[in-house]
PDB file of all heavy atoms in Angstrom:
ATOM      1  N   ALA A   1     194.796  37.661 120.131  1.00  0.00           N
ATOM      2  CA  ALA A   1     195.408  38.537 121.136  1.00  0.00           C
ATOM      3  C   ALA A   1     196.845  38.867 120.745  1.00  0.00           C
ATOM      4  O   ALA A   1     197.607  37.995 120.323  1.00  0.00           O
ATOM      5  CB  ALA A   1     195.369  37.866 122.500  1.00  0.00           C
ATOM      6  N   ASN A   2     197.236  40.137 120.871  1.00  0.00           N
ATOM      7  CA  ASN A   2     198.557  40.689 120.559  1.00  0.00           C
ATOM      8  C   ASN A   2     198.848  40.773 119.063  1.00  0.00           C
ATOM      9  O   ASN A   2     199.929  41.204 118.678  1.00  0.00           O
ATOM     10  CB  ASN A   2     199.684  39.897 121.235  1.00  0.00           C
ATOM     11  CG  ASN A   2     199.612  39.961 122.730  1.00  0.00           C
ATOM     12  OD1 ASN A   2     199.213  40.981 123.291  1.00  0.00           O
ATOM     13  ND2 ASN A   2     199.956  38.873 123.387  1.00  0.00           N
ATOM     14  N   TYR A   3     197.926  40.352 118.215  1.00  0.00           N
ATOM     15  CA  TYR A   3     198.182  40.369 116.774  1.00  0.00           C
ATOM     16  C   TYR A   3     197.080  41.083 115.989  1.00  0.00           C
ATOM     17  O   TYR A   3     196.863  40.800 114.821  1.00  0.00           O
ATOM     18  CB  TYR A   3     198.339  38.936 116.247  1.00  0.00           C
ATOM     19  CG  TYR A   3     199.521  38.228 116.850  1.00  0.00           C
ATOM     20  CD1 TYR A   3     199.334  37.312 117.891  1.00  0.00           C
ATOM     21  CD2 TYR A   3     200.806  38.484 116.415  1.00  0.00           C
ATOM     22  CE1 TYR A   3     200.413  36.673 118.468  1.00  0.00           C
ATOM     23  CE2 TYR A   3     201.892  37.845 116.986  1.00  0.00           C
ATOM     24  CZ  TYR A   3     201.696  36.947 118.012  1.00  0.00           C
ATOM     25  OH  TYR A   3     202.775  36.320 118.586  1.00  0.00           O
ATOM     26  N   PHE A   4     196.392  42.031 116.621  1.00  0.00           N
ATOM     27  CA  PHE A   4     195.417  42.847 115.892  1.00  0.00           C
ATOM     28  C   PHE A   4     195.179  44.143 116.650  1.00  0.00           C
ATOM     29  O   PHE A   4     195.448  44.260 117.842  1.00  0.00           O
ATOM     30  CB  PHE A   4     194.084  42.099 115.699  1.00  0.00           C
ATOM     31  CG  PHE A   4     193.147  42.205 116.873  1.00  0.00           C
ATOM     32  CD1 PHE A   4     192.132  43.148 116.878  1.00  0.00           C
ATOM     33  CD2 PHE A   4     193.288  41.371 117.981  1.00  0.00           C
ATOM     34  CE1 PHE A   4     191.268  43.246 117.949  1.00  0.00           C
ATOM     35  CE2 PHE A   4     192.437  41.472 119.051  1.00  0.00           C
ATOM     36  CZ  PHE A   4     191.421  42.403 119.042  1.00  0.00           C
ATOM     37  N   ASP A   5     194.704  45.138 115.930  1.00  0.00           N
ATOM     38  CA  ASP A   5     194.220  46.376 116.530  1.00  0.00           C
ATOM     39  C   ASP A   5     193.215  47.007 115.572  1.00  0.00           C
ATOM     40  O   ASP A   5     193.054  46.561 114.433  1.00  0.00           O
ATOM     41  CB  ASP A   5     195.347  47.346 116.901  1.00  0.00           C
ATOM     42  CG  ASP A   5     196.108  47.899 115.701  1.00  0.00           C
ATOM     43  OD1 ASP A   5     195.781  47.547 114.548  1.00  0.00           O
ATOM     44  OD2 ASP A   5     197.038  48.687 115.914  1.00  0.00           O
ATOM     45  N   SER A   6     192.526  48.010 116.072  1.00  0.00           N
ATOM     46  CA  SER A   6     191.524  48.712 115.275  1.00  0.00           C
ATOM     47  C   SER A   6     191.748  50.210 115.461  1.00  0.00           C
ATOM     48  O   SER A   6     191.198  50.818 116.375  1.00  0.00           O
ATOM     49  CB  SER A   6     190.123  48.307 115.722  1.00  0.00           C
ATOM     50  OG  SER A   6     189.166  48.858 114.865  1.00  0.00           O
ATOM     51  N   PRO A   7     192.594  50.807 114.609  1.00  0.00           N
ATOM     52  CA  PRO A   7     192.977  52.204 114.805  1.00  0.00           C
ATOM     53  C   PRO A   7     191.886  53.223 114.469  1.00  0.00           C
ATOM     54  O   PRO A   7     191.975  54.369 114.889  1.00  0.00           O
ATOM     55  CB  PRO A   7     194.160  52.382 113.864  1.00  0.00           C
ATOM     56  CG  PRO A   7     193.943  51.374 112.796  1.00  0.00           C
ATOM     57  CD  PRO A   7     193.268  50.210 113.463  1.00  0.00           C
ATOM     58  N   ALA A   8     190.877  52.827 113.703  1.00  0.00           N
ATOM     59  CA  ALA A   8     189.808  53.754 113.332  1.00  0.00           C
ATOM     60  C   ALA A   8     188.530  52.946 113.114  1.00  0.00           C
ATOM     61  O   ALA A   8     188.565  51.728 112.966  1.00  0.00           O
ATOM     62  CB  ALA A   8     190.178  54.511 112.058  1.00  0.00           C
ATOM     63  N   THR A   9     187.416  53.638 113.068  1.00  0.00           N
ATOM     64  CA  THR A   9     186.137  52.984 112.827  1.00  0.00           C
ATOM     65  C   THR A   9     186.132  52.335 111.444  1.00  0.00           C
ATOM     66  O   THR A   9     186.464  52.977 110.460  1.00  0.00           O
ATOM     67  CB  THR A   9     184.988  54.006 112.915  1.00  0.00           C
ATOM     68  OG1 THR A   9     185.045  54.655 114.180  1.00  0.00           O
ATOM     69  CG2 THR A   9     183.643  53.338 112.721  1.00  0.00           C
ATOM     70  N   GLY A  10     185.797  51.067 111.390  1.00  0.00           N
ATOM     71  CA  GLY A  10     185.736  50.353 110.121  1.00  0.00           C
ATOM     72  C   GLY A  10     187.076  49.841 109.621  1.00  0.00           C
ATOM     73  O   GLY A  10     187.159  49.307 108.526  1.00  0.00           O
ATOM     74  N   VAL A  11     188.145  49.993 110.430  1.00  0.00           N
ATOM     75  CA  VAL A  11     189.483  49.550 110.025  1.00  0.00           C
ATOM     76  C   VAL A  11     189.999  48.538 111.038  1.00  0.00           C
ATOM     77  O   VAL A  11     189.987  48.791 112.241  1.00  0.00           O
ATOM     78  CB  VAL A  11     190.472  50.739 109.940  1.00  0.00           C
ATOM     79  CG1 VAL A  11     191.861  50.260 109.578  1.00  0.00           C
ATOM     80  CG2 VAL A  11     189.986  51.774 108.948  1.00  0.00           C
ATOM     81  N   THR A  12     190.445  47.384 110.546  1.00  0.00           N
ATOM     82  CA  THR A  12     191.044  46.354 111.400  1.00  0.00           C
ATOM     83  C   THR A  12     192.396  45.983 110.821  1.00  0.00           C
ATOM     84  O   THR A  12     192.507  45.725 109.620  1.00  0.00           O
ATOM     85  CB  THR A  12     190.157  45.093 111.463  1.00  0.00           C
ATOM     86  OG1 THR A  12     188.863  45.471 111.944  1.00  0.00           O
ATOM     87  CG2 THR A  12     190.753  44.049 112.372  1.00  0.00           C
ATOM     88  N   ARG A  13     193.413  45.986 111.682  1.00  0.00           N
ATOM     89  CA  ARG A  13     194.755  45.558 111.269  1.00  0.00           C
ATOM     90  C   ARG A  13     195.087  44.266 112.001  1.00  0.00           C
ATOM     91  O   ARG A  13     194.941  44.180 113.214  1.00  0.00           O
ATOM     92  CB  ARG A  13     195.808  46.612 111.612  1.00  0.00           C
ATOM     93  CG  ARG A  13     195.647  47.890 110.856  1.00  0.00           C
ATOM     94  CD  ARG A  13     196.793  48.843 111.064  1.00  0.00           C
ATOM     95  NE  ARG A  13     196.876  49.304 112.452  1.00  0.00           N
ATOM     96  CZ  ARG A  13     197.558  50.383 112.834  1.00  0.00           C
ATOM     97  NH1 ARG A  13     198.212  51.100 111.949  1.00  0.00           N
ATOM     98  NH2 ARG A  13     197.588  50.728 114.096  1.00  0.00           N
ATOM     99  N   ARG A  14     195.518  43.275 111.231  1.00  0.00           N
ATOM    100  CA  ARG A  14     195.949  42.005 111.807  1.00  0.00           C
ATOM    101  C   ARG A  14     197.336  41.717 111.268  1.00  0.00           C
ATOM    102  O   ARG A  14     197.660  42.077 110.150  1.00  0.00           O
ATOM    103  CB  ARG A  14     195.004  40.884 111.385  1.00  0.00           C
ATOM    104  CG  ARG A  14     193.579  41.078 111.857  1.00  0.00           C
ATOM    105  CD  ARG A  14     192.687  39.975 111.333  1.00  0.00           C
ATOM    106  NE  ARG A  14     191.313  40.194 111.769  1.00  0.00           N
ATOM    107  CZ  ARG A  14     190.259  39.869 111.065  1.00  0.00           C
ATOM    108  NH1 ARG A  14     190.396  39.276 109.894  1.00  0.00           N
ATOM    109  NH2 ARG A  14     189.047  40.099 111.523  1.00  0.00           N
ATOM    110  N   TRP A  15     198.147  41.038 112.069  1.00  0.00           N
ATOM    111  CA  TRP A  15     199.481  40.709 111.600  1.00  0.00           C
ATOM    112  C   TRP A  15     199.924  39.359 112.120  1.00  0.00           C
ATOM    113  O   TRP A  15     199.376  38.826 113.072  1.00  0.00           O
ATOM    114  CB  TRP A  15     200.500  41.789 111.961  1.00  0.00           C
ATOM    115  CG  TRP A  15     200.643  42.066 113.421  1.00  0.00           C
ATOM    116  CD1 TRP A  15     201.545  41.513 114.275  1.00  0.00           C
ATOM    117  CD2 TRP A  15     199.878  42.976 114.203  1.00  0.00           C
ATOM    118  NE1 TRP A  15     201.374  42.013 115.535  1.00  0.00           N
ATOM    119  CE2 TRP A  15     200.369  42.920 115.518  1.00  0.00           C
ATOM    120  CE3 TRP A  15     198.818  43.848 113.925  1.00  0.00           C
ATOM    121  CZ2 TRP A  15     199.844  43.686 116.541  1.00  0.00           C
ATOM    122  CZ3 TRP A  15     198.300  44.610 114.946  1.00  0.00           C
ATOM    123  CH2 TRP A  15     198.811  44.525 116.236  1.00  0.00           C
ATOM    124  N   THR A  16     200.902  38.835 111.429  1.00  0.00           N
ATOM    125  CA  THR A  16     201.508  37.574 111.829  1.00  0.00           C
ATOM    126  C   THR A  16     203.023  37.761 111.803  1.00  0.00           C
ATOM    127  O   THR A  16     203.544  38.553 111.019  1.00  0.00           O
ATOM    128  CB  THR A  16     201.066  36.423 110.907  1.00  0.00           C
ATOM    129  OG1 THR A  16     201.585  35.202 111.408  1.00  0.00           O
ATOM    130  CG2 THR A  16     201.541  36.596 109.492  1.00  0.00           C
ATOM    131  N   VAL A  17     203.705  37.041 112.692  1.00  0.00           N
ATOM    132  CA  VAL A  17     205.167  37.122 112.781  1.00  0.00           C
ATOM    133  C   VAL A  17     205.711  35.708 112.593  1.00  0.00           C
ATOM    134  O   VAL A  17     205.318  34.779 113.301  1.00  0.00           O
ATOM    135  CB  VAL A  17     205.625  37.694 114.153  1.00  0.00           C
ATOM    136  CG1 VAL A  17     207.126  37.818 114.208  1.00  0.00           C
ATOM    137  CG2 VAL A  17     204.937  39.029 114.432  1.00  0.00           C
ATOM    138  N   GLN A  18     206.631  35.553 111.640  1.00  0.00           N
ATOM    139  CA  GLN A  18     207.258  34.257 111.370  1.00  0.00           C
ATOM    140  C   GLN A  18     208.768  34.399 111.525  1.00  0.00           C
ATOM    141  O   GLN A  18     209.323  35.482 111.346  1.00  0.00           O
ATOM    142  CB  GLN A  18     206.930  33.779 109.953  1.00  0.00           C
ATOM    143  CG  GLN A  18     205.455  33.614 109.708  1.00  0.00           C
ATOM    144  CD  GLN A  18     205.146  33.391 108.231  1.00  0.00           C
ATOM    145  OE1 GLN A  18     206.017  33.531 107.379  1.00  0.00           O
ATOM    146  NE2 GLN A  18     203.912  33.054 107.944  1.00  0.00           N
ATOM    147  N   GLN A  19     209.392  33.284 111.853  1.00  0.00           N
ATOM    148  CA  GLN A  19     210.852  33.282 111.965  1.00  0.00           C
ATOM    149  C   GLN A  19     211.444  33.477 110.566  1.00  0.00           C
ATOM    150  O   GLN A  19     211.061  32.824 109.625  1.00  0.00           O
ATOM    151  CB  GLN A  19     211.344  31.957 112.560  1.00  0.00           C
ATOM    152  CG  GLN A  19     212.827  31.915 112.818  1.00  0.00           C
ATOM    153  CD  GLN A  19     213.237  32.932 113.880  1.00  0.00           C
ATOM    154  OE1 GLN A  19     212.602  33.058 114.914  1.00  0.00           O
ATOM    155  NE2 GLN A  19     214.295  33.668 113.605  1.00  0.00           N
ATOM    156  N   GLY A  20     212.387  34.403 110.469  1.00  0.00           N
ATOM    157  CA  GLY A  20     213.091  34.657 109.213  1.00  0.00           C
ATOM    158  C   GLY A  20     214.504  34.117 109.290  1.00  0.00           C
ATOM    159  O   GLY A  20     214.901  33.494 110.286  1.00  0.00           O
ATOM    160  N   PRO A  21     215.311  34.334 108.294  1.00  0.00           N
ATOM    161  CA  PRO A  21     216.689  33.855 108.306  1.00  0.00           C
ATOM    162  C   PRO A  21     217.554  34.653 109.286  1.00  0.00           C
ATOM    163  O   PRO A  21     217.463  35.872 109.342  1.00  0.00           O
ATOM    164  CB  PRO A  21     217.152  34.051 106.868  1.00  0.00           C
ATOM    165  CG  PRO A  21     216.210  35.041 106.272  1.00  0.00           C
ATOM    166  CD  PRO A  21     214.951  34.970 107.043  1.00  0.00           C
ATOM    167  N   ALA A  22     218.385  33.990 110.064  1.00  0.00           N
ATOM    168  CA  ALA A  22     219.438  34.547 110.924  1.00  0.00           C
ATOM    169  C   ALA A  22     219.114  35.891 111.568  1.00  0.00           C
ATOM    170  O   ALA A  22     219.529  36.940 111.108  1.00  0.00           O
ATOM    171  CB  ALA A  22     220.727  34.659 110.138  1.00  0.00           C
ATOM    172  N   GLY A  23     218.383  35.854 112.664  1.00  0.00           N
ATOM    173  CA  GLY A  23     218.132  37.069 113.448  1.00  0.00           C
ATOM    174  C   GLY A  23     217.104  38.004 112.831  1.00  0.00           C
ATOM    175  O   GLY A  23     217.088  39.191 113.145  1.00  0.00           O
ATOM    176  N   THR A  24     216.254  37.503 111.987  1.00  0.00           N
ATOM    177  CA  THR A  24     215.207  38.340 111.384  1.00  0.00           C
ATOM    178  C   THR A  24     213.841  37.700 111.620  1.00  0.00           C
ATOM    179  O   THR A  24     213.740  36.531 111.983  1.00  0.00           O
ATOM    180  CB  THR A  24     215.418  38.504 109.860  1.00  0.00           C
ATOM    181  OG1 THR A  24     215.318  37.233 109.239  1.00  0.00           O
ATOM    182  CG2 THR A  24     216.746  39.154 109.546  1.00  0.00           C
ATOM    183  N   ARG A  25     212.848  38.502 111.403  1.00  0.00           N
ATOM    184  CA  ARG A  25     211.477  38.008 111.470  1.00  0.00           C
ATOM    185  C   ARG A  25     210.723  38.553 110.269  1.00  0.00           C
ATOM    186  O   ARG A  25     211.007  39.650 109.796  1.00  0.00           O
ATOM    187  CB  ARG A  25     210.801  38.445 112.764  1.00  0.00           C
ATOM    188  CG  ARG A  25     211.507  37.813 113.958  1.00  0.00           C
ATOM    189  CD  ARG A  25     210.644  37.660 115.134  1.00  0.00           C
ATOM    190  NE  ARG A  25     211.392  36.923 116.150  1.00  0.00           N
ATOM    191  CZ  ARG A  25     211.323  37.169 117.426  1.00  0.00           C
ATOM    192  NH1 ARG A  25     210.523  38.100 117.878  1.00  0.00           N
ATOM    193  NH2 ARG A  25     212.025  36.454 118.275  1.00  0.00           N
ATOM    194  N   ILE A  26     209.785  37.772 109.789  1.00  0.00           N
ATOM    195  CA  ILE A  26     208.964  38.185 108.648  1.00  0.00           C
ATOM    196  C   ILE A  26     207.609  38.645 109.188  1.00  0.00           C
ATOM    197  O   ILE A  26     206.905  37.884 109.855  1.00  0.00           O
ATOM    198  CB  ILE A  26     208.771  37.024 107.650  1.00  0.00           C
ATOM    199  CG1 ILE A  26     210.130  36.560 107.132  1.00  0.00           C
ATOM    200  CG2 ILE A  26     207.863  37.441 106.504  1.00  0.00           C
ATOM    201  CD1 ILE A  26     210.082  35.273 106.348  1.00  0.00           C
ATOM    202  N   LEU A  27     207.292  39.894 108.912  1.00  0.00           N
ATOM    203  CA  LEU A  27     206.022  40.473 109.358  1.00  0.00           C
ATOM    204  C   LEU A  27     205.073  40.584 108.174  1.00  0.00           C
ATOM    205  O   LEU A  27     205.457  41.078 107.114  1.00  0.00           O
ATOM    206  CB  LEU A  27     206.224  41.877 109.915  1.00  0.00           C
ATOM    207  CG  LEU A  27     207.092  42.047 111.152  1.00  0.00           C
ATOM    208  CD1 LEU A  27     207.249  43.517 111.465  1.00  0.00           C
ATOM    209  CD2 LEU A  27     206.472  41.327 112.314  1.00  0.00           C
ATOM    210  N   THR A  28     203.870  40.131 108.372  1.00  0.00           N
ATOM    211  CA  THR A  28     202.813  40.335 107.377  1.00  0.00           C
ATOM    212  C   THR A  28     201.673  41.043 108.076  1.00  0.00           C
ATOM    213  O   THR A  28     201.170  40.566 109.100  1.00  0.00           O
ATOM    214  CB  THR A  28     202.328  39.001 106.782  1.00  0.00           C
ATOM    215  OG1 THR A  28     203.437  38.343 106.169  1.00  0.00           O
ATOM    216  CG2 THR A  28     201.246  39.231 105.745  1.00  0.00           C
ATOM    217  N   VAL A  29     201.292  42.189 107.533  1.00  0.00           N
ATOM    218  CA  VAL A  29     200.196  42.980 108.099  1.00  0.00           C
ATOM    219  C   VAL A  29     199.057  42.978 107.089  1.00  0.00           C
ATOM    220  O   VAL A  29     199.264  43.269 105.911  1.00  0.00           O
ATOM    221  CB  VAL A  29     200.640  44.428 108.402  1.00  0.00           C
ATOM    222  CG1 VAL A  29     199.458  45.267 108.860  1.00  0.00           C
ATOM    223  CG2 VAL A  29     201.744  44.446 109.438  1.00  0.00           C
ATOM    224  N   ARG A  30     197.879  42.641 107.554  1.00  0.00           N
ATOM    225  CA  ARG A  30     196.668  42.688 106.719  1.00  0.00           C
ATOM    226  C   ARG A  30     195.759  43.775 107.283  1.00  0.00           C
ATOM    227  O   ARG A  30     195.438  43.766 108.466  1.00  0.00           O
ATOM    228  CB  ARG A  30     195.948  41.353 106.725  1.00  0.00           C
ATOM    229  CG  ARG A  30     194.625  41.379 105.947  1.00  0.00           C
ATOM    230  CD  ARG A  30     194.032  40.009 105.791  1.00  0.00           C
ATOM    231  NE  ARG A  30     194.886  39.249 104.880  1.00  0.00           N
ATOM    232  CZ  ARG A  30     194.838  37.931 104.745  1.00  0.00           C
ATOM    233  NH1 ARG A  30     193.991  37.225 105.470  1.00  0.00           N
ATOM    234  NH2 ARG A  30     195.628  37.322 103.899  1.00  0.00           N
ATOM    235  N   VAL A  31     195.356  44.691 106.417  1.00  0.00           N
ATOM    236  CA  VAL A  31     194.465  45.780 106.824  1.00  0.00           C
ATOM    237  C   VAL A  31     193.141  45.606 106.094  1.00  0.00           C
ATOM    238  O   VAL A  31     193.097  45.484 104.875  1.00  0.00           O
ATOM    239  CB  VAL A  31     195.073  47.158 106.499  1.00  0.00           C
ATOM    240  CG1 VAL A  31     194.153  48.275 106.971  1.00  0.00           C
ATOM    241  CG2 VAL A  31     196.446  47.305 107.115  1.00  0.00           C
ATOM    242  N   LEU A  32     192.059  45.594 106.872  1.00  0.00           N
ATOM    243  CA  LEU A  32     190.704  45.482 106.326  1.00  0.00           C
ATOM    244  C   LEU A  32     189.995  46.811 106.552  1.00  0.00           C
ATOM    245  O   LEU A  32     189.864  47.248 107.703  1.00  0.00           O
ATOM    246  CB  LEU A  32     189.929  44.370 107.033  1.00  0.00           C
ATOM    247  CG  LEU A  32     190.626  43.016 107.051  1.00  0.00           C
ATOM    248  CD1 LEU A  32     190.429  42.337 108.378  1.00  0.00           C
ATOM    249  CD2 LEU A  32     190.099  42.174 105.933  1.00  0.00           C
ATOM    250  N   VAL A  33     189.564  47.441 105.468  1.00  0.00           N
ATOM    251  CA  VAL A  33     188.809  48.694 105.566  1.00  0.00           C
ATOM    252  C   VAL A  33     187.394  48.396 105.091  1.00  0.00           C
ATOM    253  O   VAL A  33     187.188  48.034 103.938  1.00  0.00           O
ATOM    254  CB  VAL A  33     189.443  49.814 104.715  1.00  0.00           C
ATOM    255  CG1 VAL A  33     188.619  51.083 104.813  1.00  0.00           C
ATOM    256  CG2 VAL A  33     190.874  50.079 105.160  1.00  0.00           C
ATOM    257  N   ALA A  34     186.440  48.526 105.998  1.00  0.00           N
ATOM    258  CA  ALA A  34     185.055  48.178 105.686  1.00  0.00           C
ATOM    259  C   ALA A  34     184.147  49.396 105.661  1.00  0.00           C
ATOM    260  O   ALA A  34     182.932  49.251 105.714  1.00  0.00           O
ATOM    261  CB  ALA A  34     184.539  47.164 106.699  1.00  0.00           C
ATOM    262  N   SER A  35     184.686  50.590 105.566  1.00  0.00           N
ATOM    263  CA  SER A  35     183.838  51.783 105.533  1.00  0.00           C
ATOM    264  C   SER A  35     183.576  52.181 104.084  1.00  0.00           C
ATOM    265  O   SER A  35     184.345  51.866 103.193  1.00  0.00           O
ATOM    266  CB  SER A  35     184.512  52.933 106.280  1.00  0.00           C
ATOM    267  OG  SER A  35     185.722  53.277 105.649  1.00  0.00           O
ATOM    268  N   GLY A  36     182.487  52.886 103.860  1.00  0.00           N
ATOM    269  CA  GLY A  36     182.151  53.333 102.513  1.00  0.00           C
ATOM    270  C   GLY A  36     181.449  52.249 101.715  1.00  0.00           C
ATOM    271  O   GLY A  36     180.959  51.262 102.249  1.00  0.00           O
ATOM    272  N   ILE A  37     181.430  52.427 100.409  1.00  0.00           N
ATOM    273  CA  ILE A  37     180.714  51.508  99.518  1.00  0.00           C
ATOM    274  C   ILE A  37     181.508  50.240  99.258  1.00  0.00           C
ATOM    275  O   ILE A  37     180.962  49.152  99.248  1.00  0.00           O
ATOM    276  CB  ILE A  37     180.418  52.217  98.180  1.00  0.00           C
ATOM    277  CG1 ILE A  37     179.499  53.402  98.409  1.00  0.00           C
ATOM    278  CG2 ILE A  37     179.787  51.262  97.186  1.00  0.00           C
ATOM    279  CD1 ILE A  37     179.300  54.266  97.199  1.00  0.00           C
ATOM    280  N   ALA A  38     182.813  50.380  99.030  1.00  0.00           N
ATOM    281  CA  ALA A  38     183.636  49.233  98.638  1.00  0.00           C
ATOM    282  C   ALA A  38     184.663  48.917  99.720  1.00  0.00           C
ATOM    283  O   ALA A  38     185.519  49.729 100.030  1.00  0.00           O
ATOM    284  CB  ALA A  38     184.337  49.524  97.319  1.00  0.00           C
ATOM    285  N   ALA A  39     184.575  47.722 100.305  1.00  0.00           N
ATOM    286  CA  ALA A  39     185.549  47.285 101.311  1.00  0.00           C
ATOM    287  C   ALA A  39     186.849  46.910 100.612  1.00  0.00           C
ATOM    288  O   ALA A  39     186.847  46.461  99.468  1.00  0.00           O
ATOM    289  CB  ALA A  39     184.997  46.094 102.083  1.00  0.00           C
TER     290      ALA A  39
END
């Protein structure tokens, strides 16, 4: 919850937020595309 969305059919975006140095955050976004022949 709050860390994924699905903007299109066959596409899933997930992300994680980690504490970064002094007032920053580290964002990692993983996008899975499962449409077509090759995911």
